[in-house]
Amino acid sequence: MSLNRRRLIKCVGGAAGVVTATAAGGAAWLFAKTRETDHGYAYPESAGLLAPTPACKDSAATRAQTQGPYYTPNTPKRANLRESGTAGQALLIAGRILTTDCRPVAGAVIDVWSCDADGIYDNKGFTLRGHQFTDAQGRFRVETIKPAPYTDFGISRTPHIHVKLQGPGTAQLTTQLYFPGEAGNADDSIYDERLLMKMTALEDGGLIAEFDFVLAAATARA
């Protein structure tokens, strides 16, 4: 199922359009001894920190949540996690990765995974798994499907998306994103309303979700 590209631009273009600053000199905020994330992906050479966005105020870092038992490292680099024959409601997640002082992070990695429309994770391959890097304005976009609710290990889970992210000068964040209006939200012990995505339904049946991540500064390394 294709997503309405014109509708996407209308929904997320305004938020991204306020990022007009140029990249700042990054040497002071990069790790001195590594150019890799804590989960093994190498940053692109273009990774850098931008000036604060004019429409943003200092804010708290996005809340961390459990990784869960189904994380797989070394996923393929791709923005479209849907493969030929992947069933489910088309979902596009778009947003930015920012620092707590509102600086978009170019070249930050975002690793995304979820179960499928039947509540099953692919733990042998990379179905609905992949990573990418933010663009020159700290933006990302992921094409996937809306995951199903499921019960595993005696725990009922509302639909959710797993993410693991990091910029060259930030701490790693592992968290989950949620869908508003889901019946299972109230009964999910892990659910946090602060991690709700902003949803827009498309005429073709697809969904657009918006969420901006805020990452804390990295701690010093020996």
Protein backbone atom coordinates (compact mmCIF):
# COMPACT_ATOMS: atom_id res chain seq x y z
CA MET A 1 0.00 0.00 0.00
CA SER A 2 1.52 3.30 -1.07
CA LEU A 3 1.47 6.38 1.12
CA ASN A 4 0.25 9.73 -0.11
CA ARG A 5 3.52 11.65 -0.54
CA ARG A 6 1.82 15.02 -0.92
CA ARG A 7 -0.03 14.48 2.35
CA LEU A 8 3.25 13.54 4.03
CA ILE A 9 4.88 16.80 2.97
CA LYS A 10 1.91 18.75 4.30
CA CYS A 11 1.98 16.94 7.66
CA VAL A 12 5.69 16.98 8.45
CA GLY A 13 7.11 19.68 6.23
CA GLY A 14 6.17 22.51 8.57
CA ALA A 15 7.90 21.05 11.59
CA ALA A 16 11.04 20.23 9.64
CA GLY A 17 11.01 23.55 7.82
CA VAL A 18 11.95 25.51 10.93
CA VAL A 19 15.39 23.89 10.86
CA THR A 20 17.29 26.49 8.87
CA ALA A 21 20.58 26.61 10.73
CA THR A 22 23.88 25.49 9.25
CA ALA A 23 26.10 22.83 10.73
CA ALA A 24 28.32 24.00 13.55
CA GLY A 25 31.95 23.05 14.02
CA GLY A 26 31.62 19.64 15.62
CA ALA A 27 35.04 18.75 16.97
CA ALA A 28 34.26 19.80 20.54
CA TRP A 29 31.14 17.66 20.87
CA LEU A 30 32.30 14.49 19.12
CA PHE A 31 33.70 11.60 21.11
CA ALA A 32 37.46 11.82 21.01
CA LYS A 33 38.10 8.09 20.66
CA THR A 34 35.22 6.67 18.63
CA ARG A 35 33.01 7.29 15.65
CA GLU A 36 30.70 4.37 16.41
CA THR A 37 27.43 4.13 18.27
CA ASP A 38 27.25 1.99 21.38
CA HIS A 39 25.36 -0.59 19.31
CA GLY A 40 27.97 -0.84 16.59
CA TYR A 41 26.96 1.38 13.68
CA ALA A 42 29.54 3.78 12.24
CA TYR A 43 28.47 7.41 11.90
CA PRO A 44 28.65 8.96 8.43
CA GLU A 45 31.29 11.61 7.86
CA SER A 46 28.52 14.21 7.59
CA ALA A 47 27.43 13.68 11.21
CA GLY A 48 27.25 16.99 13.06
CA LEU A 49 25.35 19.29 15.37
CA LEU A 50 23.16 22.11 14.09
CA ALA A 51 22.23 25.42 15.70
CA PRO A 52 19.13 25.38 17.95
CA THR A 53 15.79 25.42 16.14
CA PRO A 54 14.02 28.78 16.54
CA ALA A 55 10.67 27.22 17.48
CA CYS A 56 12.04 24.92 20.19
CA LYS A 57 12.71 25.47 23.89
CA ASP A 58 15.07 23.45 26.06
CA SER A 59 13.40 20.17 26.94
CA ALA A 60 13.91 16.94 28.85
CA ALA A 61 15.33 13.88 27.16
CA THR A 62 12.88 11.36 25.74
CA ARG A 63 11.96 8.71 28.29
CA ALA A 64 13.87 5.42 28.00
CA GLN A 65 12.11 2.05 28.02
CA THR A 66 13.09 -1.59 28.00
CA GLN A 67 14.70 -3.05 24.91
CA GLY A 68 12.64 -6.23 25.22
CA PRO A 69 13.78 -9.73 24.27
CA TYR A 70 13.61 -9.36 20.49
CA TYR A 71 16.33 -6.89 19.53
CA THR A 72 18.58 -7.94 16.62
CA PRO A 73 21.84 -6.03 15.93
CA ASN A 74 23.45 -5.31 12.56
CA THR A 75 20.21 -4.63 10.72
CA PRO A 76 20.24 -3.51 7.08
CA LYS A 77 20.54 0.21 6.37
CA ARG A 78 17.19 1.16 4.88
CA ALA A 79 14.27 3.53 5.39
CA ASN A 80 11.59 1.15 4.09
CA LEU A 81 11.16 -1.85 6.38
CA ARG A 82 8.28 -3.28 4.35
CA GLU A 83 9.22 -6.06 1.97
CA SER A 84 7.33 -7.65 -0.89
CA GLY A 85 4.34 -9.44 0.55
CA THR A 86 4.48 -7.77 3.96
CA ALA A 87 0.87 -7.59 5.17
CA GLY A 88 -0.50 -4.85 7.40
CA GLN A 89 -1.58 -1.23 7.53
CA ALA A 90 1.08 1.02 5.99
CA LEU A 91 2.74 3.31 8.53
CA LEU A 92 5.22 6.12 7.98
CA ILE A 93 7.02 7.50 11.04
CA ALA A 94 8.71 10.87 10.59
CA GLY A 95 10.42 13.33 12.91
CA ARG A 96 13.73 14.70 14.11
CA ILE A 97 16.44 13.81 16.59
CA LEU A 98 17.33 16.76 18.84
CA THR A 99 19.56 17.49 21.81
CA THR A 100 18.09 18.85 25.04
CA ASP A 101 19.08 22.37 23.96
CA CYS A 102 17.15 21.93 20.71
CA ARG A 103 20.03 21.25 18.35
CA PRO A 104 19.11 18.83 15.55
CA VAL A 105 21.66 16.01 15.20
CA ALA A 106 22.73 15.24 11.65
CA GLY A 107 23.95 11.70 11.06
CA ALA A 108 22.39 10.23 14.21
CA VAL A 109 21.50 6.55 13.90
CA ILE A 110 17.97 5.29 14.50
CA ASP A 111 17.42 1.53 14.64
CA VAL A 112 13.75 0.46 14.37
CA TRP A 113 12.01 -2.89 14.86
CA SER A 114 8.54 -4.25 15.60
CA CYS A 115 6.35 -7.30 15.36
CA ASP A 116 4.18 -7.90 12.31
CA ALA A 117 0.42 -7.67 11.79
CA ASP A 118 0.01 -11.01 13.58
CA GLY A 119 2.06 -10.00 16.63
CA ILE A 120 5.12 -12.04 15.56
CA TYR A 121 8.75 -10.83 15.54
CA ASP A 122 11.17 -12.08 12.91
CA ASN A 123 14.02 -13.32 15.12
CA LYS A 124 15.88 -15.16 12.33
CA GLY A 125 15.94 -12.47 9.66
CA PHE A 126 15.34 -8.75 9.31
CA THR A 127 11.64 -8.44 8.45
CA LEU A 128 10.40 -5.09 9.81
CA ARG A 129 13.91 -4.28 11.05
CA GLY A 130 16.37 -1.68 9.82
CA HIS A 131 18.47 1.35 10.66
CA GLN A 132 19.17 4.70 9.04
CA PHE A 133 20.88 8.02 9.75
CA THR A 134 19.26 11.42 10.11
CA ASP A 135 19.71 13.88 7.28
CA ALA A 136 21.52 17.23 7.32
CA GLN A 137 18.65 18.73 9.36
CA GLY A 138 18.32 15.92 11.88
CA ARG A 139 15.27 14.39 10.21
CA PHE A 140 14.33 10.74 9.68
CA ARG A 141 11.47 8.83 8.05
CA VAL A 142 10.69 5.12 8.39
CA GLU A 143 8.20 3.16 6.31
CA THR A 144 6.82 0.12 8.11
CA ILE A 145 3.43 -1.29 9.15
CA LYS A 146 1.31 -0.85 12.24
CA PRO A 147 2.19 -3.77 14.56
CA ALA A 148 -0.46 -5.89 16.24
CA PRO A 149 -1.03 -6.27 19.98
CA TYR A 150 0.17 -9.56 21.44
CA THR A 151 0.66 -11.51 24.66
CA ASP A 152 4.02 -13.12 25.37
CA PHE A 153 5.70 -14.35 28.56
CA GLY A 154 2.34 -13.69 30.22
CA ILE A 155 2.55 -9.97 29.40
CA SER A 156 -0.01 -8.27 27.16
CA ARG A 157 1.45 -5.59 24.90
CA THR A 158 -0.40 -2.82 23.15
CA PRO A 159 0.82 -1.97 19.61
CA HIS A 160 4.27 -0.37 19.83
CA ILE A 161 7.43 0.38 17.86
CA HIS A 162 10.92 -0.26 19.28
CA VAL A 163 13.72 2.24 18.62
CA LYS A 164 17.36 2.56 19.58
CA LEU A 165 19.11 5.86 18.72
CA GLN A 166 22.31 7.77 19.24
CA GLY A 167 24.14 10.80 17.90
CA PRO A 168 27.93 11.23 17.98
CA GLY A 169 27.67 13.57 20.96
CA THR A 170 24.69 12.03 22.74
CA ALA A 171 23.93 9.17 25.05
CA GLN A 172 22.29 6.11 23.53
CA LEU A 173 18.50 5.94 23.97
CA THR A 174 16.41 2.78 23.81
CA THR A 175 12.67 3.31 23.98
CA GLN A 176 9.28 2.46 22.48
CA LEU A 177 6.62 4.48 20.65
CA TYR A 178 2.87 4.09 21.07
CA PHE A 179 -0.36 4.74 19.18
CA PRO A 180 -3.11 6.97 20.62
CA GLY A 181 -6.57 5.55 21.21
CA GLU A 182 -5.54 1.89 21.49
CA ALA A 183 -7.73 -0.19 23.79
CA GLY A 184 -4.68 -2.02 25.13
CA ASN A 185 -2.81 1.09 26.26
CA ALA A 186 -4.48 1.16 29.67
CA ASP A 187 -3.65 -2.50 30.40
CA ASP A 188 -0.03 -2.43 29.21
CA SER A 189 2.30 -2.09 32.20
CA ILE A 190 5.11 -0.67 30.03
CA TYR A 191 3.01 1.90 28.13
CA ASP A 192 3.83 5.57 28.73
CA GLU A 193 1.64 8.34 27.32
CA ARG A 194 4.72 10.57 26.98
CA LEU A 195 5.79 8.29 24.13
CA LEU A 196 2.60 8.66 22.10
CA MET A 197 3.04 9.46 18.42
CA LYS A 198 0.93 12.11 16.71
CA MET A 199 -1.17 10.25 14.15
CA THR A 200 -2.72 11.27 10.85
CA ALA A 201 -4.92 8.85 8.86
CA LEU A 202 -4.65 8.94 5.07
CA GLU A 203 -7.44 8.44 2.58
CA ASP A 204 -5.75 5.31 1.20
CA GLY A 205 -5.85 3.65 4.64
CA GLY A 206 -2.25 4.33 5.60
CA LEU A 207 -1.03 6.20 8.65
CA ILE A 208 1.51 8.96 9.23
CA ALA A 209 3.04 9.21 12.71
CA GLU A 210 5.16 12.09 13.95
CA PHE A 211 7.61 12.05 16.86
CA ASP A 212 10.70 14.09 17.75
CA PHE A 213 13.28 12.39 19.96
CA VAL A 214 15.34 14.39 22.47
CA LEU A 215 18.70 12.87 23.43
CA ALA A 216 20.77 13.67 26.49
CA ALA A 217 24.43 14.61 26.15
CA ALA A 218 26.95 11.79 26.28
CA THR A 219 28.87 11.23 29.46
CA ALA A 220 32.65 11.56 29.30
CA ARG A 221 34.59 8.50 28.23
CA ALA A 222 37.93 7.39 29.62
